[in-house]
Amino acid sequence: MLSDLLMWNKIGRIVTLLSEQLNISPERALDLWYCSKTNERLHDPSTLLYTFGDRYIVDELIREIQD
């Protein structure tokens, strides 16, 4: 599992990418992130989602939002 600092950095990058990709404010992107199942999966070590790239995780989140 990632250390807290590395996890915070990863989440920051994910939220920034999400904001840019959906053309929404960073605050809205952060809200979408923290209310998502993808966020829960990232913090669950058994899913190993934290080992995937930031863009992949953003794509997963966008698919979740679309469903």
PDB file of N, CA and C in Angstrom:
ATOM      1  N   MET A   1       0.850  -1.183   0.000  1.00  0.00           N
ATOM      2  CA  MET A   1       0.000   0.000   0.000  1.00  0.00           C
ATOM      3  C   MET A   1       0.887   1.234   0.000  1.00  0.00           C
ATOM      4  N   LEU A   2       0.399   2.298  -0.625  1.00  0.00           N
ATOM      5  CA  LEU A   2       1.156   3.541  -0.682  1.00  0.00           C
ATOM      6  C   LEU A   2       1.162   4.245   0.673  1.00  0.00           C
ATOM      7  N   SER A   3       2.227   4.972   0.928  1.00  0.00           N
ATOM      8  CA  SER A   3       2.244   5.793   2.138  1.00  0.00           C
ATOM      9  C   SER A   3       1.193   6.895   1.988  1.00  0.00           C
ATOM     10  N   ASP A   4       0.831   7.518   3.098  1.00  0.00           N
ATOM     11  CA  ASP A   4      -0.179   8.584   3.055  1.00  0.00           C
ATOM     12  C   ASP A   4       0.232   9.706   2.101  1.00  0.00           C
ATOM     13  N   LEU A   5       1.478  10.105   2.150  1.00  0.00           N
ATOM     14  CA  LEU A   5       1.951  11.192   1.298  1.00  0.00           C
ATOM     15  C   LEU A   5       1.820  10.834  -0.183  1.00  0.00           C
ATOM     16  N   LEU A   6       2.237   9.624  -0.537  1.00  0.00           N
ATOM     17  CA  LEU A   6       2.131   9.204  -1.930  1.00  0.00           C
ATOM     18  C   LEU A   6       0.675   9.079  -2.369  1.00  0.00           C
ATOM     19  N   MET A   7      -0.189   8.617  -1.472  1.00  0.00           N
ATOM     20  CA  MET A   7      -1.610   8.506  -1.791  1.00  0.00           C
ATOM     21  C   MET A   7      -2.215   9.890  -2.004  1.00  0.00           C
ATOM     22  N   TRP A   8      -1.889  10.841  -1.140  1.00  0.00           N
ATOM     23  CA  TRP A   8      -2.403  12.211  -1.298  1.00  0.00           C
ATOM     24  C   TRP A   8      -1.955  12.805  -2.627  1.00  0.00           C
ATOM     25  N   ASN A   9      -0.698  12.574  -3.001  1.00  0.00           N
ATOM     26  CA  ASN A   9      -0.192  13.068  -4.285  1.00  0.00           C
ATOM     27  C   ASN A   9      -0.930  12.419  -5.447  1.00  0.00           C
ATOM     28  N   LYS A  10      -1.169  11.123  -5.350  1.00  0.00           N
ATOM     29  CA  LYS A  10      -1.866  10.400  -6.413  1.00  0.00           C
ATOM     30  C   LYS A  10      -3.285  10.932  -6.560  1.00  0.00           C
ATOM     31  N   ILE A  11      -3.974  11.133  -5.456  1.00  0.00           N
ATOM     32  CA  ILE A  11      -5.344  11.651  -5.503  1.00  0.00           C
ATOM     33  C   ILE A  11      -5.342  13.060  -6.097  1.00  0.00           C
ATOM     34  N   GLY A  12      -4.383  13.870  -5.750  1.00  0.00           N
ATOM     35  CA  GLY A  12      -4.276  15.216  -6.312  1.00  0.00           C
ATOM     36  C   GLY A  12      -4.119  15.184  -7.824  1.00  0.00           C
ATOM     37  N   ARG A  13      -3.288  14.275  -8.311  1.00  0.00           N
ATOM     38  CA  ARG A  13      -3.097  14.149  -9.758  1.00  0.00           C
ATOM     39  C   ARG A  13      -4.375  13.656 -10.432  1.00  0.00           C
ATOM     40  N   ILE A  14      -5.046  12.698  -9.806  1.00  0.00           N
ATOM     41  CA  ILE A  14      -6.287  12.152 -10.363  1.00  0.00           C
ATOM     42  C   ILE A  14      -7.348  13.240 -10.445  1.00  0.00           C
ATOM     43  N   VAL A  15      -7.518  14.004  -9.386  1.00  0.00           N
ATOM     44  CA  VAL A  15      -8.529  15.065  -9.364  1.00  0.00           C
ATOM     45  C   VAL A  15      -8.205  16.136 -10.410  1.00  0.00           C
ATOM     46  N   THR A  16      -6.938  16.481 -10.550  1.00  0.00           N
ATOM     47  CA  THR A  16      -6.531  17.462 -11.555  1.00  0.00           C
ATOM     48  C   THR A  16      -6.845  16.962 -12.959  1.00  0.00           C
ATOM     49  N   LEU A  17      -6.502  15.718 -13.244  1.00  0.00           N
ATOM     50  CA  LEU A  17      -6.803  15.138 -14.557  1.00  0.00           C
ATOM     51  C   LEU A  17      -8.303  15.090 -14.807  1.00  0.00           C
ATOM     52  N   LEU A  18      -9.073  14.706 -13.799  1.00  0.00           N
ATOM     53  CA  LEU A  18     -10.524  14.633 -13.935  1.00  0.00           C
ATOM     54  C   LEU A  18     -11.099  16.015 -14.237  1.00  0.00           C
ATOM     55  N   SER A  19     -10.634  17.014 -13.527  1.00  0.00           N
ATOM     56  CA  SER A  19     -11.085  18.384 -13.740  1.00  0.00           C
ATOM     57  C   SER A  19     -10.803  18.831 -15.175  1.00  0.00           C
ATOM     58  N   GLU A  20      -9.615  18.550 -15.662  1.00  0.00           N
ATOM     59  CA  GLU A  20      -9.236  18.943 -17.023  1.00  0.00           C
ATOM     60  C   GLU A  20     -10.025  18.162 -18.065  1.00  0.00           C
ATOM     61  N   GLN A  21     -10.174  16.866 -17.860  1.00  0.00           N
ATOM     62  CA  GLN A  21     -10.833  16.016 -18.849  1.00  0.00           C
ATOM     63  C   GLN A  21     -12.325  16.331 -18.965  1.00  0.00           C
ATOM     64  N   LEU A  22     -12.978  16.635 -17.838  1.00  0.00           N
ATOM     65  CA  LEU A  22     -14.412  16.926 -17.862  1.00  0.00           C
ATOM     66  C   LEU A  22     -14.702  18.424 -17.957  1.00  0.00           C
ATOM     67  N   ASN A  23     -13.635  19.233 -17.956  1.00  0.00           N
ATOM     68  CA  ASN A  23     -13.777  20.684 -18.018  1.00  0.00           C
ATOM     69  C   ASN A  23     -14.687  21.197 -16.894  1.00  0.00           C
ATOM     70  N   ILE A  24     -14.364  20.773 -15.676  1.00  0.00           N
ATOM     71  CA  ILE A  24     -15.103  21.196 -14.485  1.00  0.00           C
ATOM     72  C   ILE A  24     -14.114  21.790 -13.491  1.00  0.00           C
ATOM     73  N   SER A  25     -14.635  22.447 -12.479  1.00  0.00           N
ATOM     74  CA  SER A  25     -13.750  23.043 -11.472  1.00  0.00           C
ATOM     75  C   SER A  25     -13.058  21.944 -10.652  1.00  0.00           C
ATOM     76  N   PRO A  26     -11.888  22.251 -10.142  1.00  0.00           N
ATOM     77  CA  PRO A  26     -11.210  21.279  -9.278  1.00  0.00           C
ATOM     78  C   PRO A  26     -12.057  20.904  -8.056  1.00  0.00           C
ATOM     79  N   GLU A  27     -12.814  21.846  -7.539  1.00  0.00           N
ATOM     80  CA  GLU A  27     -13.672  21.561  -6.382  1.00  0.00           C
ATOM     81  C   GLU A  27     -14.738  20.530  -6.732  1.00  0.00           C
ATOM     82  N   ARG A  28     -15.348  20.691  -7.917  1.00  0.00           N
ATOM     83  CA  ARG A  28     -16.369  19.732  -8.369  1.00  0.00           C
ATOM     84  C   ARG A  28     -15.726  18.368  -8.606  1.00  0.00           C
ATOM     85  N   ALA A  29     -14.546  18.349  -9.191  1.00  0.00           N
ATOM     86  CA  ALA A  29     -13.839  17.096  -9.433  1.00  0.00           C
ATOM     87  C   ALA A  29     -13.516  16.391  -8.114  1.00  0.00           C
ATOM     88  N   LEU A  30     -13.111  17.170  -7.119  1.00  0.00           N
ATOM     89  CA  LEU A  30     -12.804  16.604  -5.804  1.00  0.00           C
ATOM     90  C   LEU A  30     -14.055  16.006  -5.173  1.00  0.00           C
ATOM     91  N   ASP A  31     -15.177  16.683  -5.324  1.00  0.00           N
ATOM     92  CA  ASP A  31     -16.451  16.178  -4.801  1.00  0.00           C
ATOM     93  C   ASP A  31     -16.834  14.872  -5.489  1.00  0.00           C
ATOM     94  N   LEU A  32     -16.714  14.840  -6.810  1.00  0.00           N
ATOM     95  CA  LEU A  32     -17.015  13.602  -7.544  1.00  0.00           C
ATOM     96  C   LEU A  32     -16.112  12.464  -7.080  1.00  0.00           C
ATOM     97  N   TRP A  33     -14.849  12.790  -6.886  1.00  0.00           N
ATOM     98  CA  TRP A  33     -13.886  11.778  -6.461  1.00  0.00           C
ATOM     99  C   TRP A  33     -14.249  11.189  -5.101  1.00  0.00           C
ATOM    100  N   TYR A  34     -14.483  12.044  -4.125  1.00  0.00           N
ATOM    101  CA  TYR A  34     -14.710  11.556  -2.767  1.00  0.00           C
ATOM    102  C   TYR A  34     -16.056  10.873  -2.585  1.00  0.00           C
ATOM    103  N   CYS A  35     -16.975  11.060  -3.527  1.00  0.00           N
ATOM    104  CA  CYS A  35     -18.284  10.391  -3.459  1.00  0.00           C
ATOM    105  C   CYS A  35     -18.328   9.130  -4.327  1.00  0.00           C
ATOM    106  N   SER A  36     -17.206   8.712  -4.859  1.00  0.00           N
ATOM    107  CA  SER A  36     -17.180   7.617  -5.830  1.00  0.00           C
ATOM    108  C   SER A  36     -16.768   6.270  -5.231  1.00  0.00           C
ATOM    109  N   LYS A  37     -17.208   5.227  -5.891  1.00  0.00           N
ATOM    110  CA  LYS A  37     -16.769   3.869  -5.548  1.00  0.00           C
ATOM    111  C   LYS A  37     -15.299   3.680  -5.932  1.00  0.00           C
ATOM    112  N   THR A  38     -14.867   4.389  -6.977  1.00  0.00           N
ATOM    113  CA  THR A  38     -13.470   4.293  -7.404  1.00  0.00           C
ATOM    114  C   THR A  38     -12.542   4.754  -6.284  1.00  0.00           C
ATOM    115  N   ASN A  39     -12.923   5.800  -5.570  1.00  0.00           N
ATOM    116  CA  ASN A  39     -12.150   6.260  -4.415  1.00  0.00           C
ATOM    117  C   ASN A  39     -12.061   5.158  -3.369  1.00  0.00           C
ATOM    118  N   GLU A  40     -13.185   4.528  -3.083  1.00  0.00           N
ATOM    119  CA  GLU A  40     -13.184   3.433  -2.104  1.00  0.00           C
ATOM    120  C   GLU A  40     -12.264   2.307  -2.555  1.00  0.00           C
ATOM    121  N   ARG A  41     -12.334   1.985  -3.846  1.00  0.00           N
ATOM    122  CA  ARG A  41     -11.484   0.903  -4.380  1.00  0.00           C
ATOM    123  C   ARG A  41     -10.004   1.270  -4.291  1.00  0.00           C
ATOM    124  N   LEU A  42      -9.676   2.546  -4.515  1.00  0.00           N
ATOM    125  CA  LEU A  42      -8.276   2.967  -4.441  1.00  0.00           C
ATOM    126  C   LEU A  42      -7.719   2.745  -3.037  1.00  0.00           C
ATOM    127  N   HIS A  43      -8.534   2.950  -2.021  1.00  0.00           N
ATOM    128  CA  HIS A  43      -8.083   2.806  -0.637  1.00  0.00           C
ATOM    129  C   HIS A  43      -8.165   1.367  -0.122  1.00  0.00           C
ATOM    130  N   ASP A  44      -8.698   0.467  -0.934  1.00  0.00           N
ATOM    131  CA  ASP A  44      -8.784  -0.944  -0.550  1.00  0.00           C
ATOM    132  C   ASP A  44      -7.564  -1.674  -1.113  1.00  0.00           C
ATOM    133  N   PRO A  45      -6.621  -2.049  -0.260  1.00  0.00           N
ATOM    134  CA  PRO A  45      -5.385  -2.666  -0.748  1.00  0.00           C
ATOM    135  C   PRO A  45      -5.613  -3.958  -1.538  1.00  0.00           C
ATOM    136  N   SER A  46      -6.714  -4.638  -1.293  1.00  0.00           N
ATOM    137  CA  SER A  46      -6.941  -5.916  -1.985  1.00  0.00           C
ATOM    138  C   SER A  46      -7.251  -5.728  -3.474  1.00  0.00           C
ATOM    139  N   THR A  47      -7.688  -4.520  -3.890  1.00  0.00           N
ATOM    140  CA  THR A  47      -7.999  -4.291  -5.305  1.00  0.00           C
ATOM    141  C   THR A  47      -6.757  -3.978  -6.130  1.00  0.00           C
ATOM    142  N   LEU A  48      -5.702  -3.537  -5.462  1.00  0.00           N
ATOM    143  CA  LEU A  48      -4.451  -3.128  -6.114  1.00  0.00           C
ATOM    144  C   LEU A  48      -4.637  -1.983  -7.105  1.00  0.00           C
ATOM    145  N   LEU A  49      -5.759  -1.249  -7.007  1.00  0.00           N
ATOM    146  CA  LEU A  49      -6.004  -0.135  -7.926  1.00  0.00           C
ATOM    147  C   LEU A  49      -4.923   0.934  -7.796  1.00  0.00           C
ATOM    148  N   TYR A  50      -4.355   1.071  -6.619  1.00  0.00           N
ATOM    149  CA  TYR A  50      -3.316   2.081  -6.403  1.00  0.00           C
ATOM    150  C   TYR A  50      -2.073   1.829  -7.262  1.00  0.00           C
ATOM    151  N   THR A  51      -1.934   0.637  -7.818  1.00  0.00           N
ATOM    152  CA  THR A  51      -0.779   0.331  -8.670  1.00  0.00           C
ATOM    153  C   THR A  51      -1.002   0.760 -10.114  1.00  0.00           C
ATOM    154  N   PHE A  52      -2.228   1.136 -10.462  1.00  0.00           N
ATOM    155  CA  PHE A  52      -2.549   1.528 -11.829  1.00  0.00           C
ATOM    156  C   PHE A  52      -2.225   3.001 -12.044  1.00  0.00           C
ATOM    157  N   GLY A  53      -2.084   3.378 -13.306  1.00  0.00           N
ATOM    158  CA  GLY A  53      -1.773   4.758 -13.655  1.00  0.00           C
ATOM    159  C   GLY A  53      -2.930   5.703 -13.363  1.00  0.00           C
ATOM    160  N   ASP A  54      -2.578   6.963 -13.213  1.00  0.00           N
ATOM    161  CA  ASP A  54      -3.582   7.977 -12.890  1.00  0.00           C
ATOM    162  C   ASP A  54      -4.646   8.083 -13.976  1.00  0.00           C
ATOM    163  N   ARG A  55      -4.252   8.083 -15.222  1.00  0.00           N
ATOM    164  CA  ARG A  55      -5.219   8.202 -16.335  1.00  0.00           C
ATOM    165  C   ARG A  55      -6.168   7.011 -16.370  1.00  0.00           C
ATOM    166  N   TYR A  56      -5.675   5.843 -16.079  1.00  0.00           N
ATOM    167  CA  TYR A  56      -6.537   4.660 -16.030  1.00  0.00           C
ATOM    168  C   TYR A  56      -7.597   4.837 -14.941  1.00  0.00           C
ATOM    169  N   ILE A  57      -7.189   5.318 -13.785  1.00  0.00           N
ATOM    170  CA  ILE A  57      -8.119   5.503 -12.668  1.00  0.00           C
ATOM    171  C   ILE A  57      -9.148   6.580 -13.011  1.00  0.00           C
ATOM    172  N   VAL A  58      -8.718   7.650 -13.679  1.00  0.00           N
ATOM    173  CA  VAL A  58      -9.661   8.684 -14.121  1.00  0.00           C
ATOM    174  C   VAL A  58     -10.672   8.083 -15.089  1.00  0.00           C
ATOM    175  N   ASP A  59     -10.214   7.269 -16.022  1.00  0.00           N
ATOM    176  CA  ASP A  59     -11.147   6.608 -16.956  1.00  0.00           C
ATOM    177  C   ASP A  59     -12.134   5.717 -16.233  1.00  0.00           C
ATOM    178  N   GLU A  60     -11.669   5.012 -15.211  1.00  0.00           N
ATOM    179  CA  GLU A  60     -12.562   4.185 -14.400  1.00  0.00           C
ATOM    180  C   GLU A  60     -13.628   5.045 -13.720  1.00  0.00           C
ATOM    181  N   LEU A  61     -13.214   6.176 -13.186  1.00  0.00           N
ATOM    182  CA  LEU A  61     -14.146   7.069 -12.516  1.00  0.00           C
ATOM    183  C   LEU A  61     -15.161   7.639 -13.494  1.00  0.00           C
ATOM    184  N   ILE A  62     -14.730   8.015 -14.672  1.00  0.00           N
ATOM    185  CA  ILE A  62     -15.652   8.554 -15.681  1.00  0.00           C
ATOM    186  C   ILE A  62     -16.659   7.489 -16.095  1.00  0.00           C
ATOM    187  N   ARG A  63     -16.206   6.253 -16.243  1.00  0.00           N
ATOM    188  CA  ARG A  63     -17.146   5.159 -16.557  1.00  0.00           C
ATOM    189  C   ARG A  63     -18.159   4.990 -15.419  1.00  0.00           C
ATOM    190  N   GLU A  64     -17.685   5.095 -14.189  1.00  0.00           N
ATOM    191  CA  GLU A  64     -18.588   4.978 -13.037  1.00  0.00           C
ATOM    192  C   GLU A  64     -19.633   6.093 -13.063  1.00  0.00           C
ATOM    193  N   ILE A  65     -19.210   7.312 -13.353  1.00  0.00           N
ATOM    194  CA  ILE A  65     -20.125   8.455 -13.405  1.00  0.00           C
ATOM    195  C   ILE A  65     -21.154   8.266 -14.521  1.00  0.00           C
ATOM    196  N   GLN A  66     -20.718   7.733 -15.647  1.00  0.00           N
ATOM    197  CA  GLN A  66     -21.618   7.548 -16.786  1.00  0.00           C
ATOM    198  C   GLN A  66     -22.670   6.478 -16.523  1.00  0.00           C
ATOM    199  N   ASP A  67     -22.319   5.506 -15.683  1.00  0.00           N
ATOM    200  CA  ASP A  67     -23.271   4.439 -15.372  1.00  0.00           C
ATOM    201  C   ASP A  67     -24.211   4.931 -14.327  1.00  0.00           C
TER     202      ASP A  67
END
